[in-house]
Amino acid sequence: MAVTLAEVAVRAGVSPATVSRVLNGGYPVAGGTRTRVERAVEELGYIANAPARALAAATSDLVGILVHDIADSYFGILAGSLQSALDPAGGVEPRRLAVVCNTQGVPATETAYLTLLEGQRAGGVVLTGAATEDPEHSDALTLRLARMAAAGTRVVLCGRPPVPVPSALPVATVEFDDRGGAFRLAEHLLTLGHRRIAYIAGPSGQSTTRERLAGHQEALQRHDPALPRACAALTVHAGSERSAGYDATRELLRRGEPFTAVAAANDTAAAGVAAALREAGLRIPEDVSVTGFDDLPFSQDTAPALTTVRVPLREAGVLAAQLVTSRRPLPPGGITTLPTELMVRGSTAPPPPARRTP
């Protein structure tokens, strides 16, 4: 038979209201009293009735975190930082149950998880990663998030564009300056003297792909209006995984178009780029410079270390946790843009005069 809150109160020698305050958090309770209640909960094996609490309140203590692929370091770092920040030290606030939902970047899967979270009256939802730029899905997503927010669910979009919902709703956006980072990265290669720059773009139809490619092309255009056209044949759209970077580089080599640098849309793809170049007998950076994006932990341990753009994933996770739990108020306009930083390492160098042609 389930242990009741009243039984916990008797064991701890306090009122049921005090037990409720300790369990729900957010209320001042003396340290000794809190300890007695927590010990009684542990000894009796009391489990709060979460569905009943969700019905009594507008929402539950559940926070859904939607990621494309938790096995990808980008999403693992972001989700891990977010989950850790949901429960700050001190025990003053109620604990949140964080549920990570793996969408594989599939719009229908994203919608399905949101439906489940809405049914659970989730107190918060954080959507991470690139948004699929499909008008039908975007409209459906906007309507669903607006409905959830109107019912009391706090929504945070992290690493993706904002959605057009009424400003009064609790919807916040944490953006990365992907375009500016890609611009500075291409500018670095141009300053070194590279003109034949291949670009391994991310999947077509995704917001992050569009922003990073736009920043790259803007730098080329600003340096020389003829460069974007000259490098068009050196741009390949691929996935975000290592094998995608490898296959895309092999495709570039088969085309026979000369290039002196390869800019990959992320660090994981850049690892595949490097493998394909070495397999073809090309040295990095003596023959071809290679760059990535994101500054994932392994990028400093490659040989040579990878020139990349640091995306503040851990900081974004903390900020998203603060926004989804109301510990931080919504920013003006609902949008916070976090800066990216160019990290110059050993994988880039000037193209030598006698550059070997791939």
Protein backbone atom coordinates (compact mmCIF):
# COMPACT_ATOMS: atom_id res chain seq x y z
CA MET A 1 0.00 0.00 0.00
CA ALA A 2 1.35 3.43 -0.95
CA VAL A 3 2.77 5.59 1.83
CA THR A 4 0.82 8.83 2.30
CA LEU A 5 2.08 12.33 2.91
CA ALA A 6 0.37 12.26 6.32
CA GLU A 7 2.40 9.21 7.34
CA VAL A 8 5.60 11.04 6.38
CA ALA A 9 4.47 13.97 8.53
CA VAL A 10 3.91 11.69 11.55
CA ARG A 11 7.31 10.03 11.15
CA ALA A 12 9.06 13.41 10.85
CA GLY A 13 7.02 15.03 13.66
CA VAL A 14 5.81 17.90 11.50
CA SER A 15 2.57 18.93 9.82
CA PRO A 16 1.59 17.64 6.36
CA ALA A 17 1.88 21.23 5.10
CA THR A 18 5.53 21.31 6.16
CA VAL A 19 6.19 18.03 4.33
CA SER A 20 4.58 19.52 1.23
CA ARG A 21 6.78 22.61 1.49
CA VAL A 22 9.93 20.52 1.70
CA LEU A 23 8.93 18.32 -1.23
CA ASN A 24 7.82 21.18 -3.46
CA GLY A 25 10.72 23.48 -2.61
CA GLY A 26 10.69 27.24 -3.03
CA TYR A 27 9.62 27.75 0.61
CA PRO A 28 11.85 28.59 3.59
CA VAL A 29 12.13 25.55 5.91
CA ALA A 30 14.58 25.23 8.80
CA GLY A 31 17.54 22.98 8.03
CA GLY A 32 16.81 20.53 10.85
CA THR A 33 13.18 20.23 9.82
CA ARG A 34 14.12 19.65 6.19
CA THR A 35 16.54 16.92 7.24
CA ARG A 36 13.88 15.12 9.35
CA VAL A 37 11.38 15.23 6.50
CA GLU A 38 13.89 13.98 3.93
CA ARG A 39 14.94 11.16 6.27
CA ALA A 40 11.28 10.15 6.79
CA VAL A 41 10.68 10.17 3.04
CA GLU A 42 13.69 7.89 2.56
CA GLU A 43 12.83 5.51 5.38
CA LEU A 44 9.18 5.12 4.37
CA GLY A 45 9.87 5.03 0.63
CA TYR A 46 7.38 7.82 -0.04
CA ILE A 47 6.85 8.64 -3.72
CA ALA A 48 5.01 11.81 -4.67
CA ASN A 49 2.04 11.35 -6.97
CA ALA A 50 3.36 13.33 -9.93
CA PRO A 51 0.23 13.04 -12.13
CA ALA A 52 -1.94 14.26 -9.26
CA ARG A 53 0.42 17.18 -8.63
CA ALA A 54 0.36 18.03 -12.33
CA LEU A 55 -3.42 18.09 -12.32
CA ALA A 56 -3.51 20.25 -9.22
CA ALA A 57 -1.08 22.68 -10.78
CA ALA A 58 -1.04 23.99 -14.34
CA THR A 59 2.11 21.99 -15.11
CA SER A 60 4.36 19.26 -13.71
CA ASP A 61 8.02 19.24 -12.67
CA LEU A 62 8.93 17.49 -15.93
CA VAL A 63 11.32 19.22 -18.34
CA GLY A 64 11.66 17.77 -21.83
CA ILE A 65 14.97 18.28 -23.67
CA LEU A 66 14.74 17.59 -27.40
CA VAL A 67 18.04 16.82 -29.15
CA HIS A 68 18.93 15.55 -32.61
CA ASP A 69 21.33 12.86 -31.39
CA ILE A 70 22.50 12.46 -27.80
CA ALA A 71 25.49 10.41 -29.06
CA ASP A 72 26.75 13.55 -30.84
CA SER A 73 29.10 15.46 -28.52
CA TYR A 74 27.45 18.76 -29.48
CA PHE A 75 24.11 17.65 -28.04
CA GLY A 76 25.64 15.61 -25.22
CA ILE A 77 27.50 18.63 -23.86
CA LEU A 78 24.49 20.92 -24.23
CA ALA A 79 22.01 18.49 -22.65
CA GLY A 80 24.41 17.52 -19.86
CA SER A 81 25.06 21.13 -18.92
CA LEU A 82 21.35 21.91 -19.03
CA GLN A 83 20.36 18.95 -16.87
CA SER A 84 23.03 19.71 -14.26
CA ALA A 85 21.88 23.34 -14.06
CA LEU A 86 18.23 22.36 -13.57
CA ASP A 87 18.95 21.37 -9.97
CA PRO A 88 21.24 23.98 -8.39
CA ALA A 89 22.95 23.23 -5.10
CA GLY A 90 21.17 24.16 -1.89
CA GLY A 91 17.89 22.29 -2.27
CA VAL A 92 15.80 25.48 -2.15
CA GLU A 93 14.04 24.84 -5.45
CA PRO A 94 12.05 21.73 -6.40
CA ARG A 95 13.86 19.06 -8.36
CA ARG A 96 12.96 18.68 -12.01
CA LEU A 97 12.72 15.42 -13.88
CA ALA A 98 14.68 15.97 -17.11
CA VAL A 99 13.75 13.71 -20.01
CA VAL A 100 16.02 13.72 -23.06
CA CYS A 101 14.18 12.99 -26.32
CA ASN A 102 16.24 11.87 -29.33
CA THR A 103 14.59 13.18 -32.53
CA GLN A 104 17.34 12.37 -35.08
CA GLY A 105 16.42 15.73 -36.60
CA VAL A 106 13.17 14.28 -38.00
CA PRO A 107 10.32 16.84 -37.88
CA ALA A 108 7.61 14.21 -37.30
CA THR A 109 9.55 12.76 -34.36
CA GLU A 110 9.99 16.22 -32.89
CA THR A 111 6.24 16.80 -33.10
CA ALA A 112 5.49 13.39 -31.59
CA TYR A 113 7.65 14.06 -28.54
CA LEU A 114 6.06 17.48 -28.05
CA THR A 115 2.65 15.79 -28.11
CA LEU A 116 3.75 13.41 -25.36
CA LEU A 117 5.23 16.24 -23.28
CA GLU A 118 2.08 18.30 -23.69
CA GLY A 119 0.03 15.35 -22.47
CA GLN A 120 2.26 15.14 -19.39
CA ARG A 121 1.77 18.87 -18.75
CA ALA A 122 5.52 19.38 -18.85
CA GLY A 123 6.63 22.38 -16.85
CA GLY A 124 9.27 23.18 -19.44
CA VAL A 125 10.50 22.19 -22.89
CA VAL A 126 13.90 22.95 -24.41
CA LEU A 127 14.35 22.38 -28.14
CA THR A 128 18.00 22.23 -29.21
CA GLY A 129 19.81 22.06 -32.53
CA ALA A 130 19.02 23.26 -36.02
CA ALA A 131 15.42 23.85 -37.00
CA THR A 132 14.04 22.19 -40.13
CA GLU A 133 13.11 24.97 -42.53
CA ASP A 134 9.94 23.40 -43.85
CA PRO A 135 7.03 25.91 -43.85
CA GLU A 136 4.39 23.33 -42.97
CA HIS A 137 6.37 21.96 -40.04
CA SER A 138 7.37 25.46 -38.90
CA ASP A 139 3.73 26.58 -38.79
CA ALA A 140 2.63 23.45 -36.92
CA LEU A 141 5.52 23.78 -34.47
CA THR A 142 4.72 27.43 -33.79
CA LEU A 143 1.06 26.67 -33.05
CA ARG A 144 1.93 23.78 -30.74
CA LEU A 145 4.56 25.72 -28.78
CA ALA A 146 2.20 28.69 -28.45
CA ARG A 147 -0.51 26.39 -27.09
CA MET A 148 1.86 24.75 -24.60
CA ALA A 149 3.20 28.12 -23.45
CA ALA A 150 -0.33 29.49 -23.02
CA ALA A 151 -1.08 26.50 -20.75
CA GLY A 152 1.91 27.33 -18.54
CA THR A 153 4.79 25.37 -20.08
CA ARG A 154 7.96 27.44 -20.36
CA VAL A 155 9.60 26.96 -23.74
CA VAL A 156 13.25 27.59 -24.65
CA LEU A 157 14.66 27.32 -28.18
CA CYS A 158 18.41 26.73 -27.89
CA GLY A 159 20.70 26.94 -30.91
CA ARG A 160 17.83 27.57 -33.28
CA PRO A 161 15.81 30.58 -34.52
CA PRO A 162 12.87 32.06 -32.60
CA VAL A 163 9.27 31.23 -33.47
CA PRO A 164 6.66 33.96 -34.03
CA VAL A 165 4.54 33.62 -30.88
CA PRO A 166 2.92 36.46 -28.89
CA SER A 167 5.50 38.26 -26.75
CA ALA A 168 3.47 37.71 -23.58
CA LEU A 169 4.02 33.94 -23.73
CA PRO A 170 6.92 32.35 -21.78
CA VAL A 171 8.99 31.48 -24.87
CA ALA A 172 12.69 32.34 -24.98
CA THR A 173 15.38 31.86 -27.63
CA VAL A 174 19.11 31.28 -27.05
CA GLU A 175 20.90 31.76 -30.36
CA PHE A 176 24.53 31.24 -31.36
CA ASP A 177 26.31 33.67 -33.66
CA ASP A 178 26.90 30.96 -36.26
CA ARG A 179 27.00 33.41 -39.15
CA GLY A 180 29.60 35.61 -37.49
CA GLY A 181 31.72 32.61 -36.53
CA ALA A 182 31.70 31.24 -40.09
CA PHE A 183 32.57 34.71 -41.41
CA ARG A 184 35.62 34.97 -39.12
CA LEU A 185 36.73 31.45 -39.98
CA ALA A 186 36.63 32.09 -43.74
CA GLU A 187 38.30 35.45 -43.18
CA HIS A 188 41.14 33.65 -41.37
CA LEU A 189 41.69 31.35 -44.35
CA LEU A 190 41.57 34.27 -46.78
CA THR A 191 44.08 36.23 -44.70
CA LEU A 192 46.44 33.25 -44.86
CA GLY A 193 46.24 33.44 -48.64
CA HIS A 194 43.73 30.72 -49.52
CA ARG A 195 41.47 31.36 -52.49
CA ARG A 196 40.35 27.86 -53.48
CA ILE A 197 38.39 27.01 -50.34
CA ALA A 198 36.18 23.93 -50.37
CA TYR A 199 33.19 23.97 -48.03
CA ILE A 200 31.48 20.91 -46.54
CA ALA A 201 28.07 22.32 -45.61
CA GLY A 202 25.59 20.65 -43.29
CA PRO A 203 22.28 19.13 -44.42
CA SER A 204 20.16 21.31 -46.69
CA GLY A 205 17.01 22.84 -45.25
CA GLN A 206 18.36 23.40 -41.72
CA SER A 207 18.74 26.76 -40.01
CA THR A 208 22.29 26.17 -38.75
CA THR A 209 23.45 25.08 -42.22
CA ARG A 210 21.99 28.22 -43.74
CA GLU A 211 23.57 30.56 -41.19
CA ARG A 212 27.05 29.05 -41.35
CA LEU A 213 27.08 28.87 -45.14
CA ALA A 214 25.85 32.48 -45.36
CA GLY A 215 28.68 33.69 -43.10
CA HIS A 216 31.25 31.77 -45.15
CA GLN A 217 29.98 33.18 -48.44
CA GLU A 218 29.74 36.70 -47.03
CA ALA A 219 33.45 36.63 -46.17
CA LEU A 220 34.32 35.42 -49.68
CA GLN A 221 32.13 38.11 -51.24
CA ARG A 222 33.62 40.87 -49.13
CA HIS A 223 37.17 39.80 -49.98
CA ASP A 224 36.55 39.42 -53.72
CA PRO A 225 33.10 39.51 -55.39
CA ALA A 226 34.27 36.81 -57.82
CA LEU A 227 35.20 34.30 -55.10
CA PRO A 228 31.71 32.93 -54.27
CA ARG A 229 31.20 31.93 -57.89
CA ALA A 230 34.72 30.53 -58.17
CA CYS A 231 34.21 28.38 -55.06
CA ALA A 232 30.65 27.28 -55.87
CA ALA A 233 31.85 24.00 -57.38
CA LEU A 234 33.79 23.33 -54.18
CA THR A 235 30.69 23.39 -51.94
CA VAL A 236 29.12 20.07 -50.96
CA HIS A 237 26.11 19.52 -48.71
CA ALA A 238 26.52 16.53 -46.41
CA GLY A 239 25.43 15.20 -43.04
CA SER A 240 26.96 16.16 -39.70
CA GLU A 241 28.68 12.87 -38.92
CA ARG A 242 32.31 11.85 -39.53
CA SER A 243 31.44 9.57 -42.44
CA ALA A 244 29.65 12.45 -44.17
CA GLY A 245 32.80 14.60 -44.06
CA TYR A 246 34.86 11.68 -45.34
CA ASP A 247 32.51 10.92 -48.25
CA ALA A 248 32.14 14.59 -49.20
CA THR A 249 35.91 15.04 -49.34
CA ARG A 250 36.31 11.96 -51.52
CA GLU A 251 33.70 13.45 -53.83
CA LEU A 252 35.65 16.72 -54.02
CA LEU A 253 38.83 14.81 -54.84
CA ARG A 254 37.04 12.86 -57.59
CA ARG A 255 35.86 16.11 -59.18
CA GLY A 256 39.47 17.14 -59.69
CA GLU A 257 38.87 20.81 -58.83
CA PRO A 258 41.99 22.14 -57.03
CA PHE A 259 41.60 23.43 -53.48
CA THR A 260 44.00 24.50 -50.75
CA ALA A 261 41.64 24.46 -47.76
CA VAL A 262 38.51 22.63 -46.60
CA ALA A 263 36.09 24.25 -44.18
CA ALA A 264 33.74 21.71 -42.61
CA ALA A 265 30.43 22.75 -41.09
CA ASN A 266 31.30 21.03 -37.79
CA ASP A 267 34.22 19.35 -36.02
CA THR A 268 32.89 15.82 -36.41
CA ALA A 269 32.66 16.17 -40.19
CA ALA A 270 36.12 17.80 -40.16
CA ALA A 271 37.54 14.58 -38.66
CA GLY A 272 36.22 12.71 -41.70
CA VAL A 273 37.69 15.37 -44.00
CA ALA A 274 41.12 14.89 -42.46
CA ALA A 275 40.90 11.10 -42.82
CA ALA A 276 40.01 11.32 -46.51
CA LEU A 277 42.82 13.79 -47.22
CA ARG A 278 45.42 11.62 -45.50
CA GLU A 279 44.15 8.57 -47.35
CA ALA A 280 44.77 10.50 -50.58
CA GLY A 281 48.36 11.21 -49.50
CA LEU A 282 47.79 14.87 -48.61
CA ARG A 283 49.32 16.49 -45.53
CA ILE A 284 47.55 18.82 -43.10
CA PRO A 285 48.23 21.76 -43.19
CA GLU A 286 51.24 21.54 -45.56
CA ASP A 287 49.09 20.53 -48.54
CA VAL A 288 45.55 21.35 -47.41
CA SER A 289 44.33 23.36 -44.42
CA VAL A 290 41.28 22.01 -42.57
CA THR A 291 38.82 23.79 -40.28
CA GLY A 292 35.81 22.70 -38.26
CA PHE A 293 33.10 24.37 -36.19
CA ASP A 294 31.82 23.95 -32.58
CA ASP A 295 35.16 23.36 -30.74
CA LEU A 296 34.20 19.94 -29.40
CA PRO A 297 36.66 18.49 -26.84
CA PHE A 298 38.47 16.23 -29.31
CA SER A 299 39.34 19.12 -31.63
CA GLN A 300 42.36 20.02 -29.48
CA ASP A 301 43.62 16.43 -29.53
CA THR A 302 43.69 15.85 -33.28
CA ALA A 303 47.05 15.89 -35.04
CA PRO A 304 47.42 18.70 -35.79
CA ALA A 305 44.92 20.40 -33.47
CA LEU A 306 41.87 21.65 -35.35
CA THR A 307 41.26 25.30 -36.14
CA THR A 308 37.58 25.80 -35.39
CA VAL A 309 34.93 28.11 -33.96
CA ARG A 310 33.97 27.75 -30.32
CA VAL A 311 30.23 27.55 -29.71
CA PRO A 312 29.43 28.17 -25.99
CA LEU A 313 27.44 24.96 -25.46
CA ARG A 314 27.91 24.69 -21.70
CA GLU A 315 27.02 28.33 -21.13
CA ALA A 316 23.94 27.89 -23.32
CA GLY A 317 22.84 24.87 -21.29
CA VAL A 318 23.06 26.81 -18.04
CA LEU A 319 21.19 29.76 -19.52
CA ALA A 320 18.47 27.51 -20.96
CA ALA A 321 18.02 25.88 -17.54
CA GLN A 322 17.67 29.26 -15.86
CA LEU A 323 15.09 30.39 -18.42
CA VAL A 324 13.02 27.20 -18.39
CA THR A 325 12.82 27.25 -14.56
CA SER A 326 12.05 31.02 -14.34
CA ARG A 327 15.25 31.64 -12.37
CA ARG A 328 16.11 34.18 -15.04
CA PRO A 329 13.51 36.50 -16.56
CA LEU A 330 12.85 36.47 -20.27
CA PRO A 331 15.27 38.80 -22.10
CA PRO A 332 13.96 41.85 -23.99
CA GLY A 333 12.38 40.57 -27.17
CA GLY A 334 12.78 37.02 -25.84
CA ILE A 335 16.10 36.48 -27.64
CA THR A 336 19.65 36.11 -26.32
CA THR A 337 22.51 35.74 -28.82
CA LEU A 338 25.67 34.12 -27.47
CA PRO A 339 28.96 34.99 -29.22
CA THR A 340 31.17 32.46 -30.97
CA GLU A 341 34.97 32.57 -30.94
CA LEU A 342 37.59 31.71 -33.57
CA MET A 343 40.12 29.18 -32.25
CA VAL A 344 43.23 29.14 -34.45
CA ARG A 345 45.30 25.97 -34.14
CA GLY A 346 47.72 23.89 -36.15
CA SER A 347 45.44 22.58 -38.91
CA THR A 348 45.64 25.81 -40.91
CA ALA A 349 48.63 27.46 -42.57
CA PRO A 350 49.35 29.63 -45.62
CA PRO A 351 49.22 27.80 -48.94
CA PRO A 352 52.84 27.38 -50.10
CA PRO A 353 53.76 28.62 -53.60
CA ALA A 354 54.37 25.10 -54.83
CA ARG A 355 51.08 23.72 -53.55
CA ARG A 356 50.43 20.13 -54.58
CA THR A 357 47.12 19.89 -56.39
CA PRO A 358 44.73 17.27 -55.03
